[in-house]
Amino acid sequence: MSAAVRMAESLHDRYMKADAARRAHDETCTTCSPDARCEVGKRLQESFERLQDAYLHQQKRG
């Protein structure tokens, strides 16, 4: 397996974990809404978005 494939898997795994963390937080946080997020919710959303952007950019370079 090439280094690029291993890196893609790692990035994908991190992207999926960030999504799961964001969704889990959304299910339990009484402050977050689609229009406003608490500090933790903001951090989780930003992390998810950065990883999603990086993964999609990597896929396009493919």
PDB file of N, CA and C in Angstrom:
ATOM      1  N   MET A   1       0.847  -1.172   0.000  1.00  0.00           N
ATOM      2  CA  MET A   1       0.000   0.000   0.000  1.00  0.00           C
ATOM      3  C   MET A   1       0.893   1.237   0.000  1.00  0.00           C
ATOM      4  N   SER A   2       0.587   2.188  -0.867  1.00  0.00           N
ATOM      5  CA  SER A   2       1.418   3.378  -0.977  1.00  0.00           C
ATOM      6  C   SER A   2       1.176   4.331   0.187  1.00  0.00           C
ATOM      7  N   ALA A   3       2.134   5.233   0.404  1.00  0.00           N
ATOM      8  CA  ALA A   3       2.011   6.234   1.466  1.00  0.00           C
ATOM      9  C   ALA A   3       0.805   7.132   1.224  1.00  0.00           C
ATOM     10  N   ALA A   4       0.530   7.462  -0.036  1.00  0.00           N
ATOM     11  CA  ALA A   4      -0.615   8.318  -0.352  1.00  0.00           C
ATOM     12  C   ALA A   4      -1.924   7.642   0.040  1.00  0.00           C
ATOM     13  N   VAL A   5      -2.022   6.343  -0.188  1.00  0.00           N
ATOM     14  CA  VAL A   5      -3.238   5.617   0.174  1.00  0.00           C
ATOM     15  C   VAL A   5      -3.375   5.563   1.688  1.00  0.00           C
ATOM     16  N   ARG A   6      -2.282   5.281   2.406  1.00  0.00           N
ATOM     17  CA  ARG A   6      -2.339   5.270   3.869  1.00  0.00           C
ATOM     18  C   ARG A   6      -2.727   6.639   4.396  1.00  0.00           C
ATOM     19  N   MET A   7      -2.180   7.716   3.835  1.00  0.00           N
ATOM     20  CA  MET A   7      -2.506   9.056   4.266  1.00  0.00           C
ATOM     21  C   MET A   7      -3.983   9.348   4.002  1.00  0.00           C
ATOM     22  N   ALA A   8      -4.496   8.940   2.862  1.00  0.00           N
ATOM     23  CA  ALA A   8      -5.896   9.162   2.532  1.00  0.00           C
ATOM     24  C   ALA A   8      -6.801   8.449   3.537  1.00  0.00           C
ATOM     25  N   GLU A   9      -6.452   7.248   3.882  1.00  0.00           N
ATOM     26  CA  GLU A   9      -7.244   6.513   4.862  1.00  0.00           C
ATOM     27  C   GLU A   9      -7.202   7.211   6.211  1.00  0.00           C
ATOM     28  N   SER A  10      -6.049   7.665   6.608  1.00  0.00           N
ATOM     29  CA  SER A  10      -5.911   8.354   7.879  1.00  0.00           C
ATOM     30  C   SER A  10      -6.728   9.642   7.884  1.00  0.00           C
ATOM     31  N   LEU A  11      -6.653  10.404   6.827  1.00  0.00           N
ATOM     32  CA  LEU A  11      -7.413  11.643   6.736  1.00  0.00           C
ATOM     33  C   LEU A  11      -8.902  11.335   6.731  1.00  0.00           C
ATOM     34  N   HIS A  12      -9.302  10.318   6.002  1.00  0.00           N
ATOM     35  CA  HIS A  12     -10.710   9.928   5.978  1.00  0.00           C
ATOM     36  C   HIS A  12     -11.188   9.508   7.362  1.00  0.00           C
ATOM     37  N   ASP A  13     -10.371   8.731   8.060  1.00  0.00           N
ATOM     38  CA  ASP A  13     -10.731   8.308   9.416  1.00  0.00           C
ATOM     39  C   ASP A  13     -10.903   9.505  10.343  1.00  0.00           C
ATOM     40  N   ARG A  14      -9.994  10.454  10.248  1.00  0.00           N
ATOM     41  CA  ARG A  14     -10.078  11.654  11.102  1.00  0.00           C
ATOM     42  C   ARG A  14     -11.314  12.479  10.746  1.00  0.00           C
ATOM     43  N   TYR A  15     -11.607  12.578   9.478  1.00  0.00           N
ATOM     44  CA  TYR A  15     -12.782  13.297   8.997  1.00  0.00           C
ATOM     45  C   TYR A  15     -14.060  12.639   9.540  1.00  0.00           C
ATOM     46  N   MET A  16     -14.144  11.322   9.472  1.00  0.00           N
ATOM     47  CA  MET A  16     -15.315  10.614   9.964  1.00  0.00           C
ATOM     48  C   MET A  16     -15.441  10.723  11.485  1.00  0.00           C
ATOM     49  N   LYS A  17     -14.323  10.673  12.200  1.00  0.00           N
ATOM     50  CA  LYS A  17     -14.356  10.823  13.663  1.00  0.00           C
ATOM     51  C   LYS A  17     -14.807  12.224  14.043  1.00  0.00           C
ATOM     52  N   ALA A  18     -14.361  13.233  13.314  1.00  0.00           N
ATOM     53  CA  ALA A  18     -14.778  14.610  13.587  1.00  0.00           C
ATOM     54  C   ALA A  18     -16.283  14.755  13.352  1.00  0.00           C
ATOM     55  N   ASP A  19     -16.793  14.121  12.320  1.00  0.00           N
ATOM     56  CA  ASP A  19     -18.229  14.157  12.050  1.00  0.00           C
ATOM     57  C   ASP A  19     -19.001  13.474  13.179  1.00  0.00           C
ATOM     58  N   ALA A  20     -18.523  12.337  13.624  1.00  0.00           N
ATOM     59  CA  ALA A  20     -19.196  11.614  14.703  1.00  0.00           C
ATOM     60  C   ALA A  20     -19.187  12.432  15.994  1.00  0.00           C
ATOM     61  N   ALA A  21     -18.070  13.079  16.303  1.00  0.00           N
ATOM     62  CA  ALA A  21     -17.973  13.903  17.514  1.00  0.00           C
ATOM     63  C   ALA A  21     -18.931  15.083  17.432  1.00  0.00           C
ATOM     64  N   ARG A  22     -18.999  15.707  16.267  1.00  0.00           N
ATOM     65  CA  ARG A  22     -19.895  16.850  16.061  1.00  0.00           C
ATOM     66  C   ARG A  22     -21.352  16.416  16.225  1.00  0.00           C
ATOM     67  N   ARG A  23     -21.721  15.297  15.622  1.00  0.00           N
ATOM     68  CA  ARG A  23     -23.103  14.811  15.720  1.00  0.00           C
ATOM     69  C   ARG A  23     -23.454  14.404  17.148  1.00  0.00           C
ATOM     70  N   ALA A  24     -22.519  13.754  17.841  1.00  0.00           N
ATOM     71  CA  ALA A  24     -22.766  13.351  19.231  1.00  0.00           C
ATOM     72  C   ALA A  24     -22.981  14.583  20.108  1.00  0.00           C
ATOM     73  N   HIS A  25     -22.169  15.606  19.888  1.00  0.00           N
ATOM     74  CA  HIS A  25     -22.331  16.844  20.654  1.00  0.00           C
ATOM     75  C   HIS A  25     -23.693  17.466  20.363  1.00  0.00           C
ATOM     76  N   ASP A  26     -24.065  17.526  19.104  1.00  0.00           N
ATOM     77  CA  ASP A  26     -25.346  18.125  18.715  1.00  0.00           C
ATOM     78  C   ASP A  26     -26.527  17.403  19.366  1.00  0.00           C
ATOM     79  N   GLU A  27     -26.400  16.098  19.570  1.00  0.00           N
ATOM     80  CA  GLU A  27     -27.490  15.317  20.168  1.00  0.00           C
ATOM     81  C   GLU A  27     -27.679  15.612  21.652  1.00  0.00           C
ATOM     82  N   THR A  28     -26.626  16.069  22.323  1.00  0.00           N
ATOM     83  CA  THR A  28     -26.704  16.252  23.770  1.00  0.00           C
ATOM     84  C   THR A  28     -26.654  17.706  24.222  1.00  0.00           C
ATOM     85  N   CYS A  29     -26.198  18.607  23.367  1.00  0.00           N
ATOM     86  CA  CYS A  29     -26.036  20.007  23.767  1.00  0.00           C
ATOM     87  C   CYS A  29     -27.380  20.727  23.719  1.00  0.00           C
ATOM     88  N   THR A  30     -27.729  21.358  24.822  1.00  0.00           N
ATOM     89  CA  THR A  30     -28.990  22.094  24.879  1.00  0.00           C
ATOM     90  C   THR A  30     -28.828  23.533  24.394  1.00  0.00           C
ATOM     91  N   THR A  31     -27.605  23.949  24.130  1.00  0.00           N
ATOM     92  CA  THR A  31     -27.333  25.319  23.688  1.00  0.00           C
ATOM     93  C   THR A  31     -27.238  25.426  22.176  1.00  0.00           C
ATOM     94  N   CYS A  32     -26.677  24.432  21.530  1.00  0.00           N
ATOM     95  CA  CYS A  32     -26.441  24.498  20.087  1.00  0.00           C
ATOM     96  C   CYS A  32     -27.738  24.398  19.291  1.00  0.00           C
ATOM     97  N   SER A  33     -27.758  25.131  18.187  1.00  0.00           N
ATOM     98  CA  SER A  33     -28.846  25.047  17.215  1.00  0.00           C
ATOM     99  C   SER A  33     -28.195  25.150  15.839  1.00  0.00           C
ATOM    100  N   PRO A  34     -28.948  24.932  14.773  1.00  0.00           N
ATOM    101  CA  PRO A  34     -28.347  25.061  13.430  1.00  0.00           C
ATOM    102  C   PRO A  34     -27.774  26.458  13.159  1.00  0.00           C
ATOM    103  N   ASP A  35     -28.307  27.470  13.841  1.00  0.00           N
ATOM    104  CA  ASP A  35     -27.873  28.843  13.600  1.00  0.00           C
ATOM    105  C   ASP A  35     -26.858  29.372  14.607  1.00  0.00           C
ATOM    106  N   ALA A  36     -26.726  28.729  15.752  1.00  0.00           N
ATOM    107  CA  ALA A  36     -25.801  29.198  16.791  1.00  0.00           C
ATOM    108  C   ALA A  36     -25.226  27.995  17.530  1.00  0.00           C
ATOM    109  N   ARG A  37     -23.951  28.100  17.864  1.00  0.00           N
ATOM    110  CA  ARG A  37     -23.282  26.993  18.545  1.00  0.00           C
ATOM    111  C   ARG A  37     -22.564  27.486  19.788  1.00  0.00           C
ATOM    112  N   CYS A  38     -22.488  26.605  20.782  1.00  0.00           N
ATOM    113  CA  CYS A  38     -21.691  26.910  21.967  1.00  0.00           C
ATOM    114  C   CYS A  38     -20.208  26.848  21.584  1.00  0.00           C
ATOM    115  N   GLU A  39     -19.329  27.174  22.497  1.00  0.00           N
ATOM    116  CA  GLU A  39     -17.893  27.172  22.186  1.00  0.00           C
ATOM    117  C   GLU A  39     -17.400  25.790  21.763  1.00  0.00           C
ATOM    118  N   VAL A  40     -17.817  24.765  22.468  1.00  0.00           N
ATOM    119  CA  VAL A  40     -17.409  23.402  22.102  1.00  0.00           C
ATOM    120  C   VAL A  40     -17.994  23.032  20.743  1.00  0.00           C
ATOM    121  N   GLY A  41     -19.244  23.353  20.532  1.00  0.00           N
ATOM    122  CA  GLY A  41     -19.887  23.072  19.253  1.00  0.00           C
ATOM    123  C   GLY A  41     -19.197  23.780  18.098  1.00  0.00           C
ATOM    124  N   LYS A  42     -18.772  25.029  18.319  1.00  0.00           N
ATOM    125  CA  LYS A  42     -18.039  25.777  17.290  1.00  0.00           C
ATOM    126  C   LYS A  42     -16.729  25.085  16.954  1.00  0.00           C
ATOM    127  N   ARG A  43     -16.005  24.678  17.998  1.00  0.00           N
ATOM    128  CA  ARG A  43     -14.711  24.015  17.789  1.00  0.00           C
ATOM    129  C   ARG A  43     -14.886  22.712  17.020  1.00  0.00           C
ATOM    130  N   LEU A  44     -15.881  21.930  17.394  1.00  0.00           N
ATOM    131  CA  LEU A  44     -16.132  20.658  16.707  1.00  0.00           C
ATOM    132  C   LEU A  44     -16.554  20.873  15.260  1.00  0.00           C
ATOM    133  N   GLN A  45     -17.396  21.864  15.013  1.00  0.00           N
ATOM    134  CA  GLN A  45     -17.839  22.170  13.652  1.00  0.00           C
ATOM    135  C   GLN A  45     -16.662  22.631  12.798  1.00  0.00           C
ATOM    136  N   GLU A  46     -15.828  23.506  13.345  1.00  0.00           N
ATOM    137  CA  GLU A  46     -14.671  24.004  12.599  1.00  0.00           C
ATOM    138  C   GLU A  46     -13.690  22.881  12.279  1.00  0.00           C
ATOM    139  N   SER A  47     -13.472  21.997  13.232  1.00  0.00           N
ATOM    140  CA  SER A  47     -12.578  20.859  13.005  1.00  0.00           C
ATOM    141  C   SER A  47     -13.126  19.965  11.896  1.00  0.00           C
ATOM    142  N   PHE A  48     -14.417  19.670  11.970  1.00  0.00           N
ATOM    143  CA  PHE A  48     -15.062  18.866  10.935  1.00  0.00           C
ATOM    144  C   PHE A  48     -14.911  19.524   9.565  1.00  0.00           C
ATOM    145  N   GLU A  49     -15.186  20.825   9.482  1.00  0.00           N
ATOM    146  CA  GLU A  49     -15.119  21.525   8.198  1.00  0.00           C
ATOM    147  C   GLU A  49     -13.708  21.533   7.620  1.00  0.00           C
ATOM    148  N   ARG A  50     -12.698  21.746   8.473  1.00  0.00           N
ATOM    149  CA  ARG A  50     -11.306  21.727   7.993  1.00  0.00           C
ATOM    150  C   ARG A  50     -10.934  20.359   7.444  1.00  0.00           C
ATOM    151  N   LEU A  51     -11.286  19.312   8.181  1.00  0.00           N
ATOM    152  CA  LEU A  51     -10.963  17.964   7.731  1.00  0.00           C
ATOM    153  C   LEU A  51     -11.747  17.585   6.480  1.00  0.00           C
ATOM    154  N   GLN A  52     -12.993  17.990   6.405  1.00  0.00           N
ATOM    155  CA  GLN A  52     -13.795  17.717   5.217  1.00  0.00           C
ATOM    156  C   GLN A  52     -13.184  18.409   3.998  1.00  0.00           C
ATOM    157  N   ASP A  53     -12.814  19.671   4.148  1.00  0.00           N
ATOM    158  CA  ASP A  53     -12.197  20.402   3.043  1.00  0.00           C
ATOM    159  C   ASP A  53     -10.899  19.734   2.597  1.00  0.00           C
ATOM    160  N   ALA A  54     -10.079  19.338   3.568  1.00  0.00           N
ATOM    161  CA  ALA A  54      -8.800  18.689   3.230  1.00  0.00           C
ATOM    162  C   ALA A  54      -9.039  17.367   2.516  1.00  0.00           C
ATOM    163  N   TYR A  55      -9.993  16.589   3.009  1.00  0.00           N
ATOM    164  CA  TYR A  55     -10.278  15.305   2.373  1.00  0.00           C
ATOM    165  C   TYR A  55     -10.804  15.489   0.949  1.00  0.00           C
ATOM    166  N   LEU A  56     -11.742  16.393   0.772  1.00  0.00           N
ATOM    167  CA  LEU A  56     -12.303  16.609  -0.565  1.00  0.00           C
ATOM    168  C   LEU A  56     -11.246  17.170  -1.516  1.00  0.00           C
ATOM    169  N   HIS A  57     -10.375  18.029  -1.019  1.00  0.00           N
ATOM    170  CA  HIS A  57      -9.283  18.550  -1.854  1.00  0.00           C
ATOM    171  C   HIS A  57      -8.360  17.411  -2.293  1.00  0.00           C
ATOM    172  N   GLN A  58      -8.061  16.525  -1.349  1.00  0.00           N
ATOM    173  CA  GLN A  58      -7.197  15.383  -1.660  1.00  0.00           C
ATOM    174  C   GLN A  58      -7.855  14.471  -2.695  1.00  0.00           C
ATOM    175  N   GLN A  59      -9.164  14.268  -2.574  1.00  0.00           N
ATOM    176  CA  GLN A  59      -9.887  13.427  -3.525  1.00  0.00           C
ATOM    177  C   GLN A  59      -9.833  14.022  -4.940  1.00  0.00           C
ATOM    178  N   LYS A  60      -9.957  15.310  -5.032  1.00  0.00           N
ATOM    179  CA  LYS A  60      -9.923  15.976  -6.347  1.00  0.00           C
ATOM    180  C   LYS A  60      -8.552  15.856  -6.989  1.00  0.00           C
ATOM    181  N   ARG A  61      -7.495  15.890  -6.171  1.00  0.00           N
ATOM    182  CA  ARG A  61      -6.131  15.757  -6.699  1.00  0.00           C
ATOM    183  C   ARG A  61      -5.878  14.348  -7.171  1.00  0.00           C
ATOM    184  N   GLY A  62      -6.578  13.390  -6.536  1.00  0.00           N
ATOM    185  CA  GLY A  62      -6.491  11.980  -6.749  1.00  0.00           C
ATOM    186  C   GLY A  62      -5.664  11.443  -7.771  1.00  0.00           C
TER     187      GLY A  62
END
